[in-house]
Amino acid sequence: MTVPSVPKTDAPPHHALAAAVLYRALRQALLEGAPSFDAPVRRDIEGMAYEIATSQTPLRGKVPPETAALIEKIVRHAYKVTDQDIGALLAAGRSEGEVLDLVLCAATGAGRARLEAGLRALRRTSP
C-alpha cells in the first residue's frame, strides 16, 4: 500500500489533515483490497459501524446476521470484546480471516465517525 503524502505548505503542519489523508488510504486499502469477505460485505460492515457510531439506525439486514452483535460491540465497547465473541463467530463457520476483516471494518467505520466529529469540532473552534 502506498501512503499518500500531505501537501507541503508554508503554514504549520495541520495534523487533522494528515490524519484524514492517512485514514482515507487505510479505508480504501481495507475496503477495496483482497481480504476474506467480498468488498461489498466489507463496505456494509464498515457502513453499519459508522451508522451505529453516528446514532443512525443501522441497516442490519446488509451484514451477515451472526456478525451484527459483534459489530455493535466493537463500535460501542471495543474493550469488552472477548475471546468468546471471536470464538462464537469461528464456531458459526467464519474463518479467522473473515473475523479479522469484520473487526477491522467495524473499527474503521467507528473511527470514521469519530474522525469526522473531531474535524467538525476543529472547524468550529478555528479562527
C-alpha atoms as a PDB file:
ATOM      1  CA  MET A   1       0.000   0.000   0.000  1.00  0.00           C
ATOM      2  CA  THR A   2       1.326   3.432  -0.911  1.00  0.00           C
ATOM      3  CA  VAL A   3       0.613   6.053   1.721  1.00  0.00           C
ATOM      4  CA  PRO A   4      -0.202   9.453   0.236  1.00  0.00           C
ATOM      5  CA  SER A   5       1.813  12.375   1.478  1.00  0.00           C
ATOM      6  CA  VAL A   6       0.310  15.512   2.935  1.00  0.00           C
ATOM      7  CA  PRO A   7       0.814  18.542   0.670  1.00  0.00           C
ATOM      8  CA  LYS A   8       3.647  20.824   1.819  1.00  0.00           C
ATOM      9  CA  THR A   9       2.779  24.451   2.570  1.00  0.00           C
ATOM     10  CA  ASP A  10       4.319  27.399   4.384  1.00  0.00           C
ATOM     11  CA  ALA A  11       1.634  27.013   7.035  1.00  0.00           C
ATOM     12  CA  PRO A  12       2.331  24.972  10.164  1.00  0.00           C
ATOM     13  CA  PRO A  13       1.541  21.269   9.752  1.00  0.00           C
ATOM     14  CA  HIS A  14      -2.133  20.532  10.138  1.00  0.00           C
ATOM     15  CA  HIS A  15      -2.325  17.209  11.967  1.00  0.00           C
ATOM     16  CA  ALA A  16      -6.050  16.840  11.342  1.00  0.00           C
ATOM     17  CA  LEU A  17      -5.487  16.975   7.590  1.00  0.00           C
ATOM     18  CA  ALA A  18      -2.680  14.438   7.841  1.00  0.00           C
ATOM     19  CA  ALA A  19      -4.899  12.123   9.881  1.00  0.00           C
ATOM     20  CA  ALA A  20      -7.709  12.430   7.341  1.00  0.00           C
ATOM     21  CA  VAL A  21      -5.407  11.669   4.402  1.00  0.00           C
ATOM     22  CA  LEU A  22      -3.907   8.633   6.101  1.00  0.00           C
ATOM     23  CA  TYR A  23      -7.333   7.439   7.210  1.00  0.00           C
ATOM     24  CA  ARG A  24      -8.656   7.598   3.631  1.00  0.00           C
ATOM     25  CA  ALA A  25      -5.718   5.498   2.413  1.00  0.00           C
ATOM     26  CA  LEU A  26      -6.265   2.917   5.143  1.00  0.00           C
ATOM     27  CA  ARG A  27     -10.004   2.756   4.479  1.00  0.00           C
ATOM     28  CA  GLN A  28      -9.539   2.333   0.729  1.00  0.00           C
ATOM     29  CA  ALA A  29      -6.969  -0.443   1.206  1.00  0.00           C
ATOM     30  CA  LEU A  30      -9.196  -2.255   3.670  1.00  0.00           C
ATOM     31  CA  LEU A  31     -12.477  -1.924   1.807  1.00  0.00           C
ATOM     32  CA  GLU A  32     -11.177  -2.432  -1.728  1.00  0.00           C
ATOM     33  CA  GLY A  33      -8.282  -4.848  -1.115  1.00  0.00           C
ATOM     34  CA  ALA A  34      -8.446  -8.627  -1.233  1.00  0.00           C
ATOM     35  CA  PRO A  35      -9.285  -9.776   2.318  1.00  0.00           C
ATOM     36  CA  SER A  36     -11.599 -12.695   3.153  1.00  0.00           C
ATOM     37  CA  PHE A  37     -15.043 -11.105   2.832  1.00  0.00           C
ATOM     38  CA  ASP A  38     -16.182  -9.764  -0.535  1.00  0.00           C
ATOM     39  CA  ALA A  39     -15.730  -5.992  -0.923  1.00  0.00           C
ATOM     40  CA  PRO A  40     -19.497  -5.234  -0.744  1.00  0.00           C
ATOM     41  CA  VAL A  41     -19.769  -7.113   2.570  1.00  0.00           C
ATOM     42  CA  ARG A  42     -16.746  -5.240   3.983  1.00  0.00           C
ATOM     43  CA  ARG A  43     -18.316  -1.927   2.925  1.00  0.00           C
ATOM     44  CA  ASP A  44     -21.631  -2.931   4.544  1.00  0.00           C
ATOM     45  CA  ILE A  45     -19.873  -3.850   7.813  1.00  0.00           C
ATOM     46  CA  GLU A  46     -17.991  -0.544   7.810  1.00  0.00           C
ATOM     47  CA  GLY A  47     -21.210   1.311   6.960  1.00  0.00           C
ATOM     48  CA  MET A  48     -23.168  -0.372   9.745  1.00  0.00           C
ATOM     49  CA  ALA A  49     -20.443   0.506  12.249  1.00  0.00           C
ATOM     50  CA  TYR A  50     -20.462   4.129  11.032  1.00  0.00           C
ATOM     51  CA  GLU A  51     -24.246   4.288  11.383  1.00  0.00           C
ATOM     52  CA  ILE A  52     -24.101   2.924  14.938  1.00  0.00           C
ATOM     53  CA  ALA A  53     -21.340   5.380  15.864  1.00  0.00           C
ATOM     54  CA  THR A  54     -23.311   8.323  14.463  1.00  0.00           C
ATOM     55  CA  SER A  55     -26.546   7.233  16.182  1.00  0.00           C
ATOM     56  CA  GLN A  56     -28.256   6.410  12.911  1.00  0.00           C
ATOM     57  CA  THR A  57     -30.444   3.332  12.608  1.00  0.00           C
ATOM     58  CA  PRO A  58     -28.048   0.699  11.261  1.00  0.00           C
ATOM     59  CA  LEU A  59     -29.097  -1.371   8.275  1.00  0.00           C
ATOM     60  CA  ARG A  60     -28.562  -4.749   9.939  1.00  0.00           C
ATOM     61  CA  GLY A  61     -30.013  -6.709   7.035  1.00  0.00           C
ATOM     62  CA  LYS A  62     -26.996  -5.879   4.880  1.00  0.00           C
ATOM     63  CA  VAL A  63     -24.428  -7.682   7.063  1.00  0.00           C
ATOM     64  CA  PRO A  64     -24.207 -11.398   7.827  1.00  0.00           C
ATOM     65  CA  PRO A  65     -26.689 -11.864  10.725  1.00  0.00           C
ATOM     66  CA  GLU A  66     -24.242 -13.636  13.040  1.00  0.00           C
ATOM     67  CA  THR A  67     -21.876 -10.651  12.832  1.00  0.00           C
ATOM     68  CA  ALA A  68     -24.232  -7.817  13.866  1.00  0.00           C
ATOM     69  CA  ALA A  69     -23.805  -8.200  17.637  1.00  0.00           C
ATOM     70  CA  LEU A  70     -20.001  -8.154  17.420  1.00  0.00           C
ATOM     71  CA  ILE A  71     -20.041  -5.120  15.113  1.00  0.00           C
ATOM     72  CA  GLU A  72     -22.164  -3.222  17.616  1.00  0.00           C
ATOM     73  CA  LYS A  73     -19.933  -4.295  20.498  1.00  0.00           C
ATOM     74  CA  ILE A  74     -16.805  -3.140  18.639  1.00  0.00           C
ATOM     75  CA  VAL A  75     -18.355   0.273  17.995  1.00  0.00           C
ATOM     76  CA  ARG A  76     -19.792   0.874  21.454  1.00  0.00           C
ATOM     77  CA  HIS A  77     -17.449  -1.037  23.787  1.00  0.00           C
ATOM     78  CA  ALA A  78     -14.430  -2.388  21.919  1.00  0.00           C
ATOM     79  CA  TYR A  79     -12.607  -3.062  25.172  1.00  0.00           C
ATOM     80  CA  LYS A  80     -15.315  -5.595  26.083  1.00  0.00           C
ATOM     81  CA  VAL A  81     -14.720  -7.862  23.079  1.00  0.00           C
ATOM     82  CA  THR A  82     -13.641 -11.276  24.393  1.00  0.00           C
ATOM     83  CA  ASP A  83     -12.205 -14.491  23.081  1.00  0.00           C
ATOM     84  CA  GLN A  84     -15.723 -15.914  23.438  1.00  0.00           C
ATOM     85  CA  ASP A  85     -17.075 -13.296  20.996  1.00  0.00           C
ATOM     86  CA  ILE A  86     -14.473 -14.297  18.427  1.00  0.00           C
ATOM     87  CA  GLY A  87     -14.950 -17.987  19.192  1.00  0.00           C
ATOM     88  CA  ALA A  88     -18.683 -17.709  18.547  1.00  0.00           C
ATOM     89  CA  LEU A  89     -18.047 -16.491  15.004  1.00  0.00           C
ATOM     90  CA  LEU A  90     -15.452 -19.186  14.414  1.00  0.00           C
ATOM     91  CA  ALA A  91     -17.915 -21.800  15.716  1.00  0.00           C
ATOM     92  CA  ALA A  92     -20.552 -20.384  13.354  1.00  0.00           C
ATOM     93  CA  GLY A  93     -18.266 -21.247  10.443  1.00  0.00           C
ATOM     94  CA  ARG A  94     -16.445 -17.958   9.874  1.00  0.00           C
ATOM     95  CA  SER A  95     -12.743 -18.194   9.086  1.00  0.00           C
ATOM     96  CA  GLU A  96     -10.089 -16.347  11.084  1.00  0.00           C
ATOM     97  CA  GLY A  97      -9.572 -14.101   8.054  1.00  0.00           C
ATOM     98  CA  GLU A  98     -13.256 -13.213   7.930  1.00  0.00           C
ATOM     99  CA  VAL A  99     -13.281 -12.426  11.658  1.00  0.00           C
ATOM    100  CA  LEU A 100     -10.224 -10.207  11.236  1.00  0.00           C
ATOM    101  CA  ASP A 101     -11.885  -8.432   8.301  1.00  0.00           C
ATOM    102  CA  LEU A 102     -15.015  -7.894  10.371  1.00  0.00           C
ATOM    103  CA  VAL A 103     -13.085  -6.416  13.299  1.00  0.00           C
ATOM    104  CA  LEU A 104     -11.011  -4.125  11.075  1.00  0.00           C
ATOM    105  CA  CYS A 105     -14.012  -2.939   9.032  1.00  0.00           C
ATOM    106  CA  ALA A 106     -16.110  -2.292  12.141  1.00  0.00           C
ATOM    107  CA  ALA A 107     -13.259  -0.390  13.795  1.00  0.00           C
ATOM    108  CA  THR A 108     -12.739   1.615  10.594  1.00  0.00           C
ATOM    109  CA  GLY A 109     -16.418   2.606  10.454  1.00  0.00           C
ATOM    110  CA  ALA A 110     -16.379   3.694  14.084  1.00  0.00           C
ATOM    111  CA  GLY A 111     -13.096   5.514  13.505  1.00  0.00           C
ATOM    112  CA  ARG A 112     -14.520   7.366  10.502  1.00  0.00           C
ATOM    113  CA  ALA A 113     -17.415   8.657  12.592  1.00  0.00           C
ATOM    114  CA  ARG A 114     -15.041   9.814  15.319  1.00  0.00           C
ATOM    115  CA  LEU A 115     -12.627  11.419  12.864  1.00  0.00           C
ATOM    116  CA  GLU A 116     -15.464  13.352  11.225  1.00  0.00           C
ATOM    117  CA  ALA A 117     -16.735  14.500  14.639  1.00  0.00           C
ATOM    118  CA  GLY A 118     -13.248  15.659  15.577  1.00  0.00           C
ATOM    119  CA  LEU A 119     -12.787  17.538  12.313  1.00  0.00           C
ATOM    120  CA  ARG A 120     -16.174  19.238  12.781  1.00  0.00           C
ATOM    121  CA  ALA A 121     -15.119  20.301  16.279  1.00  0.00           C
ATOM    122  CA  LEU A 122     -11.851  21.711  14.945  1.00  0.00           C
ATOM    123  CA  ARG A 123     -13.691  23.700  12.264  1.00  0.00           C
ATOM    124  CA  ARG A 124     -15.985  25.207  14.922  1.00  0.00           C
ATOM    125  CA  THR A 125     -13.028  26.313  17.064  1.00  0.00           C
ATOM    126  CA  SER A 126     -10.769  27.541  14.253  1.00  0.00           C
ATOM    127  CA  PRO A 127     -10.422  31.313  13.872  1.00  0.00           C
END
